[in-house]
Amino acid sequence: MVKFIGKRLAYAVLTLFLITTATFFLVAGAPGDPIAAKVGQMPEQAQQIIREKYGLDQPVVKRYTTYMKNLLTTGDFGESIIYTGQSANDIIKNNTLVSAKIGLLGLLFQTTIAIVGESGCGKTVSSKAIMRLLPESNTIIGENSEVLFHGEDLLKKSENEMVSIRGSKISMIFQDPMTSLNPTMKIGDQIAESILIHRQISKEEAYKEALEMLQLVKIPNAEKRMKQYPFEFSGGMRQRAMIAIALACKPEILIADEPTTALDVTIQAQIMELIGELQKELDMAMILVTHDLGVVASVADKIQVMYAGKIVERGDVREIFYQSTHPYTRALLDSVPKIHSTNKETLYSLKGTPPDLINPPVGCSFAPRCEYGMNICRKKYPELTKFSDTQECNCWLHDPRADVSNLPENMIRRRQ
């Protein structure tokens, strides 16, 4: 027994010695401050933000700098800076400005604008920025930025003022209902909570309205379901409950972030039909965030195609589906199975992967994956080309000097 304990102690001492030695050499051999030699690689604006806001030695896990200008009217999400790393000293040499333009072209009642693109292109972050749901601890908003709603800048509102707007004026259906719903609260309590926050009514009246909302989203046996927890609901029913919460206070704008994710095709159709019916009944506008062009075709009025944090093309539904002008939009459309396709046809698949936004490519971000890419595409970001009052895109293929002999006919359009 004594020998056994002695061996254990010896192993413990040896392990502690090895850990201490390794830690010493790691600390002693760590690289010095790279800012003196590498600072020229980073935009001056980004350098100043890091120095003033965070200091050079504070840990940085992930930070977004978003400049939002005239978002809900004719503006955009300007520039974004994304930081990752151990400290500002470690990351300042690698960071560059990343543009994330999202002009929403104006939202009218009962209209739907869809933002489409691959996973990770910035759709959800952009949507949360509208409602100021990004954590303030790692979010910086530019001084000249604006998010206009009824002529008032949401960025200048206090948190208490934003609480009165969220859910009441602008509401959001989040991507995953299982993680968005509170597992410790009954469904009825979660719907009534939103009503009680925004309206001066009694609990009895709030629960009555919550029951009406469950009936409105077509959940069977709503009175019984009010007293159940999220885990007792199926995926489709949880999504309907999320819609009920979002629409409980009859908002003017609904942001639907992937509302049909993880649902089968039949349930997807039911959910989108339900949202469409409620949109007309409540006379509200909607921003639909999705990567499913099949859903967009039957729901949206206008479409904005996002790639690597930027809107690369925008237009109404018919223009995007029948006269798309950007190669990335064409690739998304070609990836959708066609009902008239033969069994021998291979479904198109876009080659390559989206770029790393920490170190984005120079010029057009889609150039490395574009089959029509030119030399200029890899050197300079394309200028905006306007084709009509509603359609425009950023692509060098529509420059008068570009060779369009290899382009499909339906991609060639005259500049306005």
Protein backbone atom coordinates (compact mmCIF):
# COMPACT_ATOMS: atom_id res chain seq x y z
CA MET A 1 0.00 0.00 0.00
CA VAL A 2 2.85 2.36 0.92
CA LYS A 3 4.64 1.61 -2.38
CA PHE A 4 1.43 2.26 -4.34
CA ILE A 5 0.90 5.67 -2.70
CA GLY A 6 4.60 6.50 -3.22
CA LYS A 7 4.35 5.74 -6.97
CA ARG A 8 1.23 7.90 -7.27
CA LEU A 9 2.94 10.83 -5.54
CA ALA A 10 6.01 10.43 -7.79
CA TYR A 11 3.82 10.52 -10.91
CA ALA A 12 2.00 13.61 -9.63
CA VAL A 13 5.27 15.47 -8.92
CA LEU A 14 6.68 14.51 -12.33
CA THR A 15 3.50 15.67 -14.13
CA LEU A 16 3.53 18.99 -12.26
CA PHE A 17 7.20 19.50 -13.17
CA LEU A 18 6.57 18.84 -16.87
CA ILE A 19 3.57 21.21 -16.99
CA THR A 20 5.53 23.98 -15.24
CA THR A 21 8.52 23.56 -17.57
CA ALA A 22 6.34 23.59 -20.71
CA THR A 23 4.47 26.69 -19.55
CA PHE A 24 7.75 28.51 -18.85
CA PHE A 25 9.14 27.84 -22.33
CA LEU A 26 5.85 28.78 -24.01
CA VAL A 27 5.72 32.13 -22.23
CA ALA A 28 9.41 32.87 -22.64
CA GLY A 29 9.38 31.93 -26.32
CA ALA A 30 6.18 33.85 -27.24
CA PRO A 31 6.55 36.34 -30.10
CA GLY A 32 6.87 40.00 -29.29
CA ASP A 33 4.52 42.82 -30.16
CA PRO A 34 3.97 42.72 -33.93
CA ILE A 35 2.38 46.13 -34.15
CA ALA A 36 5.59 48.04 -34.92
CA ALA A 37 6.46 45.91 -37.94
CA LYS A 38 3.01 44.91 -39.19
CA VAL A 39 0.69 47.82 -38.41
CA GLY A 40 0.87 49.11 -41.97
CA GLN A 41 -1.08 46.06 -43.20
CA MET A 42 -4.24 47.10 -41.35
CA PRO A 43 -6.47 50.08 -42.22
CA GLU A 44 -5.79 53.12 -40.06
CA GLN A 45 -9.43 53.24 -38.96
CA ALA A 46 -9.27 49.69 -37.62
CA GLN A 47 -5.99 50.39 -35.80
CA GLN A 48 -7.49 53.43 -34.09
CA ILE A 49 -10.60 51.52 -32.99
CA ILE A 50 -8.52 48.77 -31.40
CA ARG A 51 -6.22 51.20 -29.62
CA GLU A 52 -8.96 53.47 -28.27
CA LYS A 53 -11.70 50.97 -27.50
CA TYR A 54 -9.91 47.87 -26.31
CA GLY A 55 -6.23 48.47 -25.66
CA LEU A 56 -3.52 46.32 -27.16
CA ASP A 57 -3.32 43.68 -24.46
CA GLN A 58 -6.99 42.96 -23.80
CA PRO A 59 -8.25 39.55 -25.00
CA VAL A 60 -10.33 39.60 -28.16
CA VAL A 61 -12.54 36.60 -28.95
CA LYS A 62 -14.79 37.93 -31.71
CA ARG A 63 -15.76 41.50 -32.49
CA TYR A 64 -17.91 43.06 -35.19
CA THR A 65 -17.73 46.69 -36.32
CA THR A 66 -20.80 47.51 -38.37
CA TYR A 67 -21.61 50.83 -39.99
CA MET A 68 -25.35 50.93 -40.74
CA LYS A 69 -26.62 53.83 -42.81
CA ASN A 70 -30.25 54.40 -43.84
CA LEU A 71 -30.82 50.68 -43.42
CA LEU A 72 -34.58 50.53 -43.74
CA THR A 73 -34.75 53.10 -46.55
CA THR A 74 -31.97 53.35 -49.12
CA GLY A 75 -28.79 52.76 -47.19
CA ASP A 76 -26.46 49.96 -46.37
CA PHE A 77 -24.41 48.20 -43.73
CA GLY A 78 -21.20 49.99 -44.80
CA GLU A 79 -18.06 48.40 -43.37
CA SER A 80 -17.52 45.60 -40.88
CA ILE A 81 -14.39 44.56 -39.02
CA ILE A 82 -14.17 41.06 -37.58
CA TYR A 83 -11.51 40.26 -34.99
CA THR A 84 -10.47 36.85 -33.72
CA GLY A 85 -7.44 35.88 -31.66
CA GLN A 86 -5.82 36.00 -28.26
CA SER A 87 -5.25 39.73 -27.99
CA ALA A 88 -5.19 42.84 -30.11
CA ASN A 89 -1.39 42.52 -30.32
CA ASP A 90 -1.81 39.07 -31.87
CA ILE A 91 -4.49 39.98 -34.39
CA ILE A 92 -3.87 43.55 -35.48
CA LYS A 93 -1.49 42.39 -38.23
CA ASN A 94 -4.12 40.19 -39.93
CA ASN A 95 -7.34 42.22 -39.90
CA THR A 96 -8.81 44.10 -42.83
CA LEU A 97 -12.06 45.93 -43.45
CA VAL A 98 -14.89 43.71 -44.68
CA SER A 99 -17.76 45.42 -46.45
CA ALA A 100 -21.30 44.21 -45.76
CA LYS A 101 -23.75 46.22 -47.83
CA ILE A 102 -27.43 45.49 -47.34
CA GLY A 103 -29.64 48.19 -48.90
CA LEU A 104 -33.19 47.08 -48.20
CA LEU A 105 -34.68 49.39 -50.87
CA GLY A 106 -37.46 50.49 -48.54
CA LEU A 107 -40.05 48.35 -46.77
CA LEU A 108 -43.71 48.89 -47.57
CA PHE A 109 -46.66 47.32 -45.80
CA GLN A 110 -47.47 43.78 -46.93
CA THR A 111 -44.24 43.55 -48.95
CA THR A 112 -41.53 40.93 -48.46
CA ILE A 113 -37.82 41.38 -49.06
CA ALA A 114 -35.76 38.18 -49.11
CA ILE A 115 -32.06 38.04 -48.29
CA VAL A 116 -30.56 34.88 -49.79
CA GLY A 117 -27.07 33.40 -49.74
CA GLU A 118 -24.94 30.56 -48.45
CA SER A 119 -24.56 29.82 -44.75
CA GLY A 120 -22.12 32.18 -43.05
CA CYS A 121 -22.51 35.08 -45.48
CA GLY A 122 -23.84 37.46 -42.80
CA LYS A 123 -27.62 37.23 -43.17
CA THR A 124 -28.43 36.54 -39.52
CA VAL A 125 -25.89 39.03 -38.12
CA SER A 126 -27.36 41.72 -40.36
CA SER A 127 -30.90 40.91 -39.22
CA LYS A 128 -29.97 41.02 -35.55
CA ALA A 129 -28.18 44.32 -36.06
CA ILE A 130 -31.46 45.93 -37.13
CA MET A 131 -32.99 45.14 -33.74
CA ARG A 132 -29.72 45.75 -31.89
CA LEU A 133 -29.58 42.19 -30.64
CA LEU A 134 -25.83 41.82 -31.14
CA PRO A 135 -24.10 41.94 -27.72
CA GLU A 136 -22.78 45.42 -26.95
CA SER A 137 -19.65 43.96 -25.35
CA ASN A 138 -18.32 42.85 -28.73
CA THR A 139 -20.17 45.12 -31.16
CA ILE A 140 -19.06 48.56 -32.31
CA ILE A 141 -21.38 50.85 -34.28
CA GLY A 142 -19.85 53.58 -36.45
CA GLU A 143 -20.48 57.19 -35.46
CA ASN A 144 -22.21 58.07 -38.75
CA SER A 145 -24.37 54.94 -38.84
CA GLU A 146 -28.17 54.99 -38.90
CA VAL A 147 -31.00 52.47 -38.69
CA LEU A 148 -34.07 54.50 -39.61
CA PHE A 149 -37.54 53.44 -38.55
CA HIS A 150 -40.35 55.96 -39.09
CA GLY A 151 -37.65 58.58 -39.51
CA GLU A 152 -36.09 57.87 -36.11
CA ASP A 153 -32.62 56.41 -35.67
CA LEU A 154 -32.79 53.17 -33.65
CA LEU A 155 -29.08 53.42 -32.86
CA LYS A 156 -29.74 56.51 -30.74
CA LYS A 157 -32.47 54.85 -28.71
CA SER A 158 -31.81 53.77 -25.12
CA GLU A 159 -32.13 50.10 -24.19
CA ASN A 160 -35.50 50.79 -22.51
CA GLU A 161 -36.75 52.43 -25.69
CA MET A 162 -35.54 49.47 -27.75
CA VAL A 163 -37.38 47.08 -25.43
CA SER A 164 -40.61 48.92 -26.29
CA ILE A 165 -39.86 48.53 -30.03
CA ARG A 166 -38.68 44.91 -30.10
CA GLY A 167 -41.66 42.61 -30.36
CA SER A 168 -44.08 45.51 -30.52
CA LYS A 169 -43.00 47.38 -33.69
CA ILE A 170 -40.29 45.09 -35.10
CA SER A 171 -40.33 41.41 -34.30
CA MET A 172 -38.22 38.40 -35.22
CA ILE A 173 -38.72 34.68 -35.75
CA PHE A 174 -35.40 33.10 -34.82
CA GLN A 175 -33.72 30.30 -36.74
CA ASP A 176 -33.99 27.37 -34.35
CA PRO A 177 -37.20 27.28 -32.27
CA MET A 178 -35.85 24.56 -29.96
CA THR A 179 -33.02 26.80 -28.74
CA SER A 180 -35.05 30.03 -28.94
CA LEU A 181 -37.93 28.88 -26.74
CA ASN A 182 -37.39 28.79 -22.98
CA PRO A 183 -37.46 25.09 -21.97
CA THR A 184 -38.45 25.96 -18.38
CA MET A 185 -41.57 27.99 -19.28
CA LYS A 186 -44.90 26.83 -20.59
CA ILE A 187 -45.77 27.94 -24.12
CA GLY A 188 -48.71 30.05 -22.94
CA ASP A 189 -46.50 31.90 -20.44
CA GLN A 190 -43.96 32.72 -23.14
CA ILE A 191 -46.58 34.21 -25.46
CA ALA A 192 -48.29 36.12 -22.65
CA GLU A 193 -44.93 37.48 -21.44
CA SER A 194 -44.45 39.43 -24.66
CA ILE A 195 -47.97 40.87 -24.44
CA LEU A 196 -47.57 41.90 -20.78
CA ILE A 197 -44.27 43.69 -21.50
CA HIS A 198 -45.69 45.88 -24.24
CA ARG A 199 -49.29 46.43 -23.19
CA GLN A 200 -50.95 47.54 -19.98
CA ILE A 201 -53.43 44.71 -19.55
CA SER A 202 -54.14 42.10 -16.87
CA LYS A 203 -52.67 38.59 -16.87
CA GLU A 204 -56.09 37.13 -17.60
CA GLU A 205 -56.46 39.27 -20.73
CA ALA A 206 -52.89 38.47 -21.79
CA TYR A 207 -53.51 34.73 -21.48
CA LYS A 208 -56.74 35.09 -23.42
CA GLU A 209 -54.87 36.82 -26.26
CA ALA A 210 -52.09 34.20 -26.08
CA LEU A 211 -54.73 31.50 -26.56
CA GLU A 212 -56.13 33.39 -29.55
CA MET A 213 -52.63 33.60 -31.06
CA LEU A 214 -52.14 29.83 -30.73
CA GLN A 215 -55.47 29.33 -32.45
CA LEU A 216 -54.47 31.87 -35.12
CA VAL A 217 -51.32 29.88 -35.97
CA LYS A 218 -53.50 26.76 -36.24
CA ILE A 219 -52.21 24.71 -33.32
CA PRO A 220 -54.87 22.08 -32.52
CA ASN A 221 -56.30 21.87 -29.01
CA ALA A 222 -54.72 25.24 -28.20
CA GLU A 223 -56.10 25.47 -24.67
CA LYS A 224 -54.32 22.26 -23.67
CA ARG A 225 -51.14 23.20 -25.54
CA MET A 226 -50.95 26.50 -23.63
CA LYS A 227 -50.02 24.53 -20.51
CA GLN A 228 -47.32 22.39 -22.16
CA TYR A 229 -43.55 22.88 -22.41
CA PRO A 230 -41.54 23.19 -25.66
CA PHE A 231 -40.21 19.61 -25.46
CA GLU A 232 -43.81 18.37 -25.73
CA PHE A 233 -44.20 20.07 -29.13
CA SER A 234 -43.11 18.72 -32.50
CA GLY A 235 -40.72 20.75 -34.70
CA GLY A 236 -43.55 22.27 -36.73
CA MET A 237 -45.57 23.13 -33.63
CA ARG A 238 -42.55 24.79 -32.00
CA GLN A 239 -42.11 26.93 -35.10
CA ARG A 240 -45.79 27.88 -34.96
CA ALA A 241 -45.35 28.82 -31.30
CA MET A 242 -42.40 31.03 -32.25
CA ILE A 243 -44.58 32.73 -34.86
CA ALA A 244 -47.29 33.27 -32.25
CA ILE A 245 -44.77 34.93 -29.91
CA ALA A 246 -43.38 37.12 -32.71
CA LEU A 247 -46.81 38.28 -33.84
CA ALA A 248 -48.48 38.56 -30.42
CA CYS A 249 -48.20 42.37 -30.44
CA LYS A 250 -48.97 42.76 -34.15
CA PRO A 251 -45.62 44.28 -35.28
CA GLU A 252 -45.16 46.46 -38.36
CA ILE A 253 -42.05 44.58 -39.52
CA LEU A 254 -41.39 40.86 -39.13
CA ILE A 255 -37.86 39.50 -39.58
CA ALA A 256 -38.10 35.77 -40.34
CA ASP A 257 -34.67 34.15 -39.99
CA GLU A 258 -34.77 30.74 -41.71
CA PRO A 259 -38.32 30.04 -40.45
CA THR A 260 -38.46 26.61 -42.14
CA THR A 261 -35.06 25.24 -41.09
CA ALA A 262 -35.07 21.52 -40.13
CA LEU A 263 -38.72 21.09 -41.15
CA ASP A 264 -39.86 18.62 -43.80
CA VAL A 265 -41.17 19.93 -47.11
CA THR A 266 -44.86 19.56 -46.24
CA ILE A 267 -44.48 21.44 -42.95
CA GLN A 268 -42.33 24.09 -44.67
CA ALA A 269 -45.14 24.83 -47.09
CA GLN A 270 -47.66 25.06 -44.25
CA ILE A 271 -45.45 27.44 -42.24
CA MET A 272 -44.80 29.76 -45.20
CA GLU A 273 -48.48 29.75 -46.13
CA LEU A 274 -49.35 30.61 -42.53
CA ILE A 275 -46.84 33.48 -42.43
CA GLY A 276 -48.24 34.82 -45.71
CA GLU A 277 -51.80 34.75 -44.40
CA LEU A 278 -50.83 36.49 -41.15
CA GLN A 279 -48.81 39.09 -43.06
CA LYS A 280 -51.90 40.13 -45.02
CA GLU A 281 -54.18 39.94 -42.00
CA LEU A 282 -51.88 42.07 -39.81
CA ASP A 283 -50.81 44.38 -42.68
CA MET A 284 -47.07 44.05 -41.98
CA ALA A 285 -43.83 44.03 -43.98
CA MET A 286 -41.40 41.11 -43.79
CA ILE A 287 -37.68 40.51 -44.19
CA LEU A 288 -37.18 36.84 -45.05
CA VAL A 289 -33.70 35.43 -44.42
CA THR A 290 -33.15 32.11 -46.18
CA HIS A 291 -30.95 30.07 -48.50
CA ASP A 292 -33.91 28.27 -50.05
CA LEU A 293 -34.78 29.88 -53.39
CA GLY A 294 -37.81 27.62 -53.68
CA VAL A 295 -39.35 29.34 -50.65
CA VAL A 296 -38.37 32.78 -51.94
CA ALA A 297 -40.04 32.30 -55.34
CA SER A 298 -43.54 32.02 -53.89
CA VAL A 299 -43.22 34.53 -51.05
CA ALA A 300 -40.90 37.46 -51.80
CA ASP A 301 -41.54 40.68 -53.72
CA LYS A 302 -37.88 41.71 -53.87
CA ILE A 303 -34.70 39.68 -53.49
CA GLN A 304 -31.22 40.63 -52.31
CA VAL A 305 -28.43 38.12 -52.98
CA MET A 306 -25.62 38.19 -50.41
CA TYR A 307 -22.15 36.72 -50.78
CA ALA A 308 -19.26 37.03 -48.31
CA GLY A 309 -20.91 39.86 -46.38
CA LYS A 310 -21.97 41.92 -49.42
CA ILE A 311 -25.12 42.29 -51.43
CA VAL A 312 -23.98 41.37 -54.95
CA GLU A 313 -27.34 41.65 -56.71
CA ARG A 314 -30.80 42.95 -55.96
CA GLY A 315 -34.06 43.10 -57.88
CA ASP A 316 -37.68 42.01 -57.89
CA VAL A 317 -38.60 38.32 -58.05
CA ARG A 318 -39.08 38.08 -61.83
CA GLU A 319 -35.82 39.91 -62.54
CA ILE A 320 -33.78 37.66 -60.25
CA PHE A 321 -35.33 34.39 -61.45
CA TYR A 322 -35.56 35.16 -65.16
CA GLN A 323 -32.98 37.89 -65.79
CA SER A 324 -30.33 37.44 -63.09
CA THR A 325 -27.10 39.29 -63.90
CA HIS A 326 -24.57 38.02 -61.35
CA PRO A 327 -22.78 34.64 -61.77
CA TYR A 328 -23.35 33.79 -58.11
CA THR A 329 -27.10 34.30 -58.49
CA ARG A 330 -27.03 32.05 -61.55
CA ALA A 331 -25.13 29.41 -59.58
CA LEU A 332 -27.75 29.47 -56.81
CA LEU A 333 -30.56 29.12 -59.35
CA ASP A 334 -28.81 26.31 -61.21
CA SER A 335 -28.43 24.40 -57.92
CA VAL A 336 -32.22 24.14 -57.56
CA PRO A 337 -33.66 20.86 -58.96
CA LYS A 338 -35.90 21.46 -61.99
CA ILE A 339 -39.19 19.62 -62.41
CA HIS A 340 -38.55 19.13 -66.14
CA SER A 341 -35.04 17.68 -65.66
CA THR A 342 -34.33 14.17 -66.92
CA ASN A 343 -32.98 11.42 -64.69
CA LYS A 344 -29.65 11.47 -66.55
CA GLU A 345 -28.91 15.12 -65.78
CA THR A 346 -26.45 15.82 -62.96
CA LEU A 347 -27.56 18.49 -60.51
CA TYR A 348 -25.30 21.53 -60.69
CA SER A 349 -23.01 22.08 -57.73
CA LEU A 350 -21.03 25.29 -57.18
CA LYS A 351 -17.37 24.39 -56.77
CA GLY A 352 -15.12 25.82 -54.08
CA THR A 353 -15.97 27.38 -50.72
CA PRO A 354 -16.79 30.92 -49.54
CA PRO A 355 -13.74 33.06 -48.70
CA ASP A 356 -12.30 33.62 -45.25
CA LEU A 357 -13.65 37.01 -44.15
CA ILE A 358 -10.77 37.43 -41.72
CA ASN A 359 -8.48 37.59 -44.74
CA PRO A 360 -10.79 38.34 -47.71
CA PRO A 361 -9.51 38.25 -51.27
CA VAL A 362 -8.69 41.45 -53.12
CA GLY A 363 -11.34 42.48 -55.65
CA CYS A 364 -14.53 40.47 -56.10
CA SER A 365 -14.93 37.84 -53.37
CA PHE A 366 -16.65 35.47 -55.80
CA ALA A 367 -13.84 35.63 -58.40
CA PRO A 368 -12.02 32.41 -57.27
CA ARG A 369 -15.23 30.40 -57.83
CA CYS A 370 -16.55 32.23 -60.89
CA GLU A 371 -16.32 30.41 -64.23
CA TYR A 372 -16.51 33.75 -66.08
CA GLY A 373 -13.88 35.52 -63.95
CA MET A 374 -11.43 37.98 -65.52
CA ASN A 375 -8.12 39.41 -64.33
CA ILE A 376 -9.74 42.65 -63.17
CA CYS A 377 -12.08 40.64 -60.91
CA ARG A 378 -9.15 39.64 -58.69
CA LYS A 379 -7.68 43.16 -58.53
CA LYS A 380 -10.57 45.56 -57.91
CA TYR A 381 -14.09 45.28 -56.50
CA PRO A 382 -16.66 45.80 -59.31
CA GLU A 383 -18.64 49.00 -59.59
CA LEU A 384 -22.43 49.02 -59.19
CA THR A 385 -24.27 48.48 -62.47
CA LYS A 386 -27.92 49.58 -62.60
CA PHE A 387 -30.26 47.83 -65.05
CA SER A 388 -33.63 49.21 -63.96
CA ASP A 389 -35.26 51.08 -61.08
CA THR A 390 -35.26 47.85 -59.07
CA GLN A 391 -32.36 45.73 -60.37
CA GLU A 392 -28.63 46.32 -59.92
CA CYS A 393 -25.52 44.25 -59.28
CA ASN A 394 -21.77 44.46 -58.70
CA CYS A 395 -20.02 42.53 -61.48
CA TRP A 396 -17.29 43.42 -63.99
CA LEU A 397 -19.02 41.31 -66.67
CA HIS A 398 -21.42 44.20 -67.26
CA ASP A 399 -18.69 46.73 -67.89
CA PRO A 400 -18.81 47.88 -71.55
CA ARG A 401 -15.21 46.67 -72.01
CA ALA A 402 -15.90 43.11 -70.79
CA ASP A 403 -15.96 40.11 -73.12
CA VAL A 404 -19.45 38.61 -72.80
CA SER A 405 -19.19 36.07 -75.60
CA ASN A 406 -19.29 33.17 -73.10
CA LEU A 407 -22.15 34.52 -71.01
CA PRO A 408 -25.64 32.97 -71.20
CA GLU A 409 -28.04 35.23 -73.11
CA ASN A 410 -30.36 35.71 -70.14
CA MET A 411 -27.45 37.18 -68.11
CA ILE A 412 -26.65 39.90 -70.65
CA ARG A 413 -28.60 43.08 -69.94
CA ARG A 414 -28.10 46.65 -70.95
CA ARG A 415 -27.10 49.22 -68.42
CA GLN A 416 -29.76 51.79 -67.57
